[in-house]
Protein backbone atom coordinates (compact mmCIF):
# COMPACT_ATOMS: atom_id res chain seq x y z
CA MET A 1 70.46 -20.21 17.49
CA LYS A 2 68.95 -17.26 19.34
CA PRO A 3 70.65 -16.14 22.54
CA TYR A 4 68.58 -16.70 25.64
CA SER A 5 68.50 -14.57 28.73
CA THR A 6 68.90 -16.06 32.17
CA SER A 7 65.11 -16.06 32.51
CA GLY A 8 64.73 -18.25 29.49
CA LEU A 9 63.27 -15.49 27.29
CA THR A 10 64.84 -13.86 24.26
CA ASP A 11 65.62 -10.13 24.45
CA ALA A 12 62.78 -9.49 22.01
CA ASP A 13 60.33 -11.51 24.08
CA ASP A 14 61.52 -9.72 27.21
CA GLY A 15 60.83 -6.32 25.57
CA GLU A 16 57.37 -7.43 24.46
CA ALA A 17 56.60 -8.60 27.98
CA GLN A 18 57.72 -5.31 29.48
CA SER A 19 55.87 -3.07 26.98
CA PRO A 20 52.39 -3.46 28.53
CA ALA A 21 53.82 -2.86 31.98
CA ILE A 22 55.68 0.28 30.87
CA ARG A 23 52.61 1.52 29.04
CA PHE A 24 50.52 0.93 32.16
CA LEU A 25 52.97 2.92 34.29
CA VAL A 26 53.04 5.80 31.81
CA GLU A 27 49.25 5.90 31.54
CA SER A 28 48.92 5.75 35.33
CA ALA A 29 51.33 8.67 35.70
CA LEU A 30 49.40 10.71 33.12
CA ARG A 31 46.11 9.96 34.86
CA LYS A 32 47.65 11.02 38.17
CA ILE A 33 48.82 14.32 36.65
CA ALA A 34 45.40 14.94 35.11
CA SER A 35 43.66 14.05 38.38
CA ASP A 36 45.92 16.36 40.37
CA TYR A 37 45.13 19.20 37.93
CA VAL A 38 41.40 18.62 38.15
CA ASN A 39 41.37 18.25 41.93
CA ARG A 40 43.74 21.14 42.62
CA ARG A 41 41.62 24.07 43.68
CA PRO A 42 42.33 27.20 41.64
CA ARG A 43 43.97 29.89 43.74
CA GLY A 44 42.47 33.00 42.17
CA ARG A 45 40.52 34.52 39.30
CA GLU A 46 43.19 33.81 36.69
CA ASP A 47 43.38 30.15 37.72
CA TRP A 48 39.61 29.81 37.54
CA ILE A 49 39.46 31.31 34.06
CA GLU A 50 42.28 29.03 32.89
CA ARG A 51 40.42 26.04 34.33
CA LEU A 52 37.17 27.11 32.67
CA CYS A 53 38.85 27.50 29.27
CA ALA A 54 40.41 24.05 29.56
CA ALA A 55 37.06 22.54 30.50
CA LEU A 56 35.27 24.30 27.65
CA MET A 57 37.64 22.66 25.15
CA SER A 58 37.77 19.24 26.82
CA GLU A 59 36.13 16.04 25.61
CA SER A 60 33.68 16.12 28.51
CA ASP A 61 30.33 17.77 27.84
CA THR A 62 29.81 18.69 31.48
CA SER A 63 33.23 19.55 32.94
CA HIS A 64 32.79 23.30 32.25
CA LYS A 65 29.52 23.24 34.21
CA ALA A 66 31.32 21.52 37.07
CA VAL A 67 33.95 24.27 37.05
CA ILE A 68 31.26 26.96 37.23
CA SER A 69 29.49 25.12 40.07
CA ALA A 70 32.77 24.86 41.99
CA LEU A 71 33.43 28.56 41.37
CA ILE A 72 30.01 29.53 42.71
CA SER A 73 30.61 27.33 45.76
CA THR A 74 33.51 29.64 46.69
CA GLY A 75 31.13 32.58 47.06
CA VAL A 76 31.26 34.03 43.54
CA THR A 77 27.73 35.01 42.48
CA SER A 78 26.01 33.93 39.27
CA GLU A 79 26.00 37.58 38.25
CA GLN A 80 29.79 37.72 38.55
CA VAL A 81 30.16 34.47 36.61
CA TYR A 82 28.16 35.76 33.64
CA GLN A 83 29.42 39.33 33.74
CA ASP A 84 33.09 38.66 34.42
CA TYR A 85 34.34 35.08 34.19
CA VAL A 86 32.42 33.89 31.11
CA PRO A 87 33.23 36.96 28.93
CA GLU A 88 36.88 36.73 30.01
CA ALA A 89 36.93 33.03 29.09
CA ALA A 90 35.49 33.96 25.68
CA ARG A 91 38.24 36.55 25.24
CA ARG A 92 40.91 34.01 26.21
CA LEU A 93 39.58 31.51 23.69
CA GLY A 94 39.87 34.17 21.00
CA GLU A 95 43.45 34.94 22.07
CA MET A 96 44.35 31.24 21.97
CA TRP A 97 42.99 31.05 18.43
CA ILE A 98 44.93 34.13 17.32
CA SER A 99 48.19 32.91 18.92
CA ASP A 100 47.73 29.36 17.58
CA THR A 101 47.85 27.81 21.05
CA ALA A 102 44.48 26.11 20.47
CA SER A 103 43.04 24.56 17.34
CA PHE A 104 40.09 25.92 15.40
CA VAL A 105 38.07 22.84 16.42
CA ASP A 106 38.83 23.30 20.14
CA VAL A 107 38.02 27.01 20.12
CA THR A 108 34.83 26.46 18.12
CA LEU A 109 33.74 23.77 20.61
CA GLY A 110 34.45 26.10 23.52
CA ALA A 111 32.55 28.94 21.86
CA ALA A 112 29.53 26.72 21.22
CA ARG A 113 29.46 25.66 24.88
CA LEU A 114 29.65 29.28 26.02
CA GLN A 115 26.71 30.21 23.81
CA ALA A 116 24.76 27.23 25.19
CA LEU A 117 25.50 28.47 28.73
CA PHE A 118 23.93 31.83 27.94
CA ARG A 119 20.88 30.23 26.37
CA ALA A 120 20.35 27.84 29.29
CA ALA A 121 21.14 30.26 32.10
CA GLY A 122 17.53 31.32 32.59
CA ASP A 123 17.24 33.48 35.66
CA ALA A 124 20.70 32.56 37.01
CA ARG A 125 21.60 36.25 37.04
CA GLY A 126 18.46 37.29 38.85
CA LEU A 127 16.73 38.42 35.65
CA PRO A 128 14.00 36.72 33.65
CA MET A 129 15.10 34.64 30.68
CA LEU A 130 15.20 37.27 28.01
CA ASP A 131 15.36 37.15 24.26
CA ARG A 132 12.84 38.80 21.99
CA SER A 133 10.00 37.85 24.33
CA ILE A 134 10.21 41.08 26.39
CA PRO A 135 10.26 44.03 23.99
CA LEU A 136 11.38 47.23 25.71
CA GLY A 137 11.50 49.31 22.55
CA GLU A 138 15.30 49.25 22.31
CA GLU A 139 17.06 47.41 19.50
CA ILE A 140 20.71 47.44 18.47
CA LEU A 141 22.35 46.18 15.31
CA MET A 142 25.33 43.95 16.11
CA VAL A 143 27.61 43.94 13.07
CA ILE A 144 30.15 41.21 12.35
CA PRO A 145 31.91 42.62 9.26
CA GLU A 146 33.34 40.47 6.48
CA PHE A 147 36.88 41.36 7.60
CA GLU A 148 36.38 40.25 11.24
CA GLN A 149 37.10 36.52 11.67
CA HIS A 150 36.61 36.39 15.44
CA ALA A 151 32.87 36.53 16.03
CA LEU A 152 32.62 34.97 19.49
CA GLY A 153 32.80 38.32 21.31
CA ALA A 154 29.90 39.68 19.28
CA PHE A 155 27.69 36.69 20.13
CA VAL A 156 28.54 36.92 23.83
CA ALA A 157 27.73 40.65 23.81
CA ALA A 158 24.47 40.03 21.94
CA ASP A 159 23.34 37.46 24.52
CA THR A 160 24.19 39.86 27.34
CA PHE A 161 22.23 42.70 25.72
CA ARG A 162 19.22 40.40 25.38
CA ARG A 163 19.38 39.52 29.06
CA HIS A 164 18.98 43.22 29.78
CA GLY A 165 15.86 43.32 27.61
CA VAL A 166 17.49 44.94 24.57
CA TRP A 167 16.63 43.41 21.22
CA VAL A 168 19.59 42.49 19.07
CA ARG A 169 19.67 41.96 15.32
CA MET A 170 22.80 40.26 13.99
CA ALA A 171 24.31 41.45 10.70
CA ILE A 172 26.89 38.81 9.78
CA GLY A 173 29.20 39.34 6.83
CA MET A 174 26.90 41.81 5.10
CA GLU A 175 28.28 44.11 2.41
CA THR A 176 28.28 47.82 3.20
CA PRO A 177 25.37 48.72 0.83
CA GLU A 178 23.27 46.04 2.55
CA LEU A 179 24.11 47.51 5.97
CA VAL A 180 23.14 50.98 4.76
CA GLU A 181 19.78 49.69 3.54
CA LEU A 182 19.18 47.87 6.83
CA LEU A 183 20.01 50.97 8.89
CA ARG A 184 17.76 53.16 6.74
CA GLU A 185 14.80 50.80 7.19
CA GLY A 186 15.27 49.96 10.88
CA ARG A 187 14.96 51.99 14.06
CA PHE A 188 18.09 51.00 15.92
CA SER A 189 19.20 52.60 19.17
CA ALA A 190 22.85 51.74 18.49
CA VAL A 191 25.23 49.93 16.15
CA GLY A 192 27.73 47.56 17.77
CA LEU A 193 31.07 46.30 16.44
CA SER A 194 33.26 43.74 18.22
CA LEU A 195 36.89 44.00 17.05
CA ALA A 196 39.92 41.86 17.84
CA THR A 197 42.99 43.38 16.15
CA ARG A 198 44.46 46.72 15.07
CA LYS A 199 44.03 45.71 11.45
CA THR A 200 40.28 45.28 11.88
CA VAL A 201 40.13 48.66 13.67
CA GLU A 202 41.50 50.35 10.54
CA GLN A 203 38.99 48.54 8.35
CA ALA A 204 36.20 49.38 10.79
CA GLY A 205 37.12 53.05 10.41
CA GLU A 206 36.47 52.83 6.68
CA LEU A 207 33.16 51.07 7.32
CA ILE A 208 32.01 53.65 9.88
CA GLU A 209 32.97 56.51 7.55
CA TYR A 210 30.93 54.92 4.75
CA LEU A 211 27.91 54.49 7.04
CA ARG A 212 28.07 58.11 8.21
CA ALA A 213 28.21 59.31 4.62
CA ASN A 214 25.23 57.22 3.51
CA VAL A 215 22.88 56.99 6.51
CA ARG A 216 21.22 60.29 7.37
CA SER A 217 20.44 59.53 11.04
CA LEU A 218 23.07 57.00 12.03
CA PRO A 219 22.59 55.84 15.65
CA PRO A 220 25.56 55.83 18.03
CA VAL A 221 28.31 53.45 16.93
CA ILE A 222 29.78 51.34 19.75
CA VAL A 223 33.07 49.47 19.44
CA GLY A 224 34.05 46.74 21.87
CA GLY A 225 36.23 43.68 21.94
CA ARG A 226 39.75 42.69 22.92
CA ILE A 227 41.38 45.59 21.08
CA VAL A 228 39.65 48.17 23.33
CA ALA A 229 41.62 46.95 26.33
CA GLU A 230 44.87 46.94 24.34
CA ASP A 231 44.65 50.23 22.41
CA VAL A 232 41.61 52.34 23.22
CA ALA A 233 43.16 55.38 21.50
CA ALA A 234 43.31 53.55 18.17
CA VAL A 235 39.69 52.48 18.56
CA ARG A 236 38.58 56.07 19.21
CA ARG A 237 40.36 57.21 16.06
CA CYS A 238 38.26 54.86 13.94
CA GLY A 239 35.29 57.22 14.24
CA ALA A 240 33.12 55.30 16.70
CA ASP A 241 31.04 57.26 19.19
CA HIS A 242 31.97 55.02 22.11
CA ALA A 243 34.75 52.53 22.86
CA VAL A 244 33.49 50.27 25.66
CA ARG A 245 34.83 47.40 27.73
CA SER A 246 31.49 45.89 28.73
CA VAL A 247 27.84 45.66 27.74
CA ARG A 248 26.92 47.56 30.90
CA GLU A 249 29.14 50.45 29.82
CA ALA A 250 27.58 50.42 26.34
CA ILE A 251 24.08 50.54 27.84
CA GLU A 252 24.99 53.48 30.05
CA ARG A 253 26.77 55.43 27.30
CA CYS A 254 23.83 55.08 24.90
CA GLY A 255 21.13 55.50 27.55
CA LEU A 256 19.38 52.24 26.64
CA ALA A 257 16.33 51.17 28.65
CA THR A 258 16.92 47.86 30.46
CA VAL A 259 14.85 45.36 32.39
CA THR A 260 16.60 46.30 35.63
CA GLU A 261 15.56 49.94 35.19
CA ARG A 262 11.98 49.02 34.35
CA LEU A 263 11.75 46.77 37.42
CA THR A 264 13.19 49.56 39.59
CA VAL A 265 10.68 52.07 38.23
CA ARG A 266 7.82 49.62 38.76
CA GLU A 267 8.87 48.89 42.36
CA SER A 268 9.17 52.63 43.07
CA SER A 269 5.72 53.34 41.69
CA GLN A 270 4.21 50.51 43.71
CA GLY A 271 5.92 51.74 46.88
């Protein structure tokens, strides 16, 4: 005969009765923690970027937009969001992938949402929606070499160049002879490389050396990416003309014509 508790239930039955209640308490506590995190206002730039990265990789399709709206409500301009916070979030996603603190699926989802933000931004930065619709005569070749696995930075940079009215042609995983042929046929104002690690810097050096040896009039070679902030000296040794930390710096170093400059010239001539 089974032993009965004072309540008239067996121990097993008592455990089964308590399980839903315990599960409810645990789930309520987790929801409370998640709610507190969402409702807690970030205290500074680092907190905002952390919140944005979490939202970009969340199950919600709109939470990252809510984070950006909340950020703008604090007085941060759209220009600052797209020039500072979004590129930094992209860099963080890449770091999380490299350090294995986020899965490939999560980082890919976050990257896709970032690219969608750039496409949908329109005139959020005070500029017309730019792609290839406003040709200013400047075109760069953005190269994602076969040895570089982290391509998000290159896509973010390409979108930013386009918003300044600079055409961008993507060369993804092309072999070096193909790149040489493309550079010989095109009229590029610059060649861009986005690099993530010291290993890819060494391989980029070999690529740049090959291009210089086989392209008679090679345009300026620009190197950007996470590694520039970590070891700019190593990047300079790879043979690039410029090691830059932002698209704005790349534009200035190469003297590229931008929409902002054209608008300024037009306003001056009209005045």
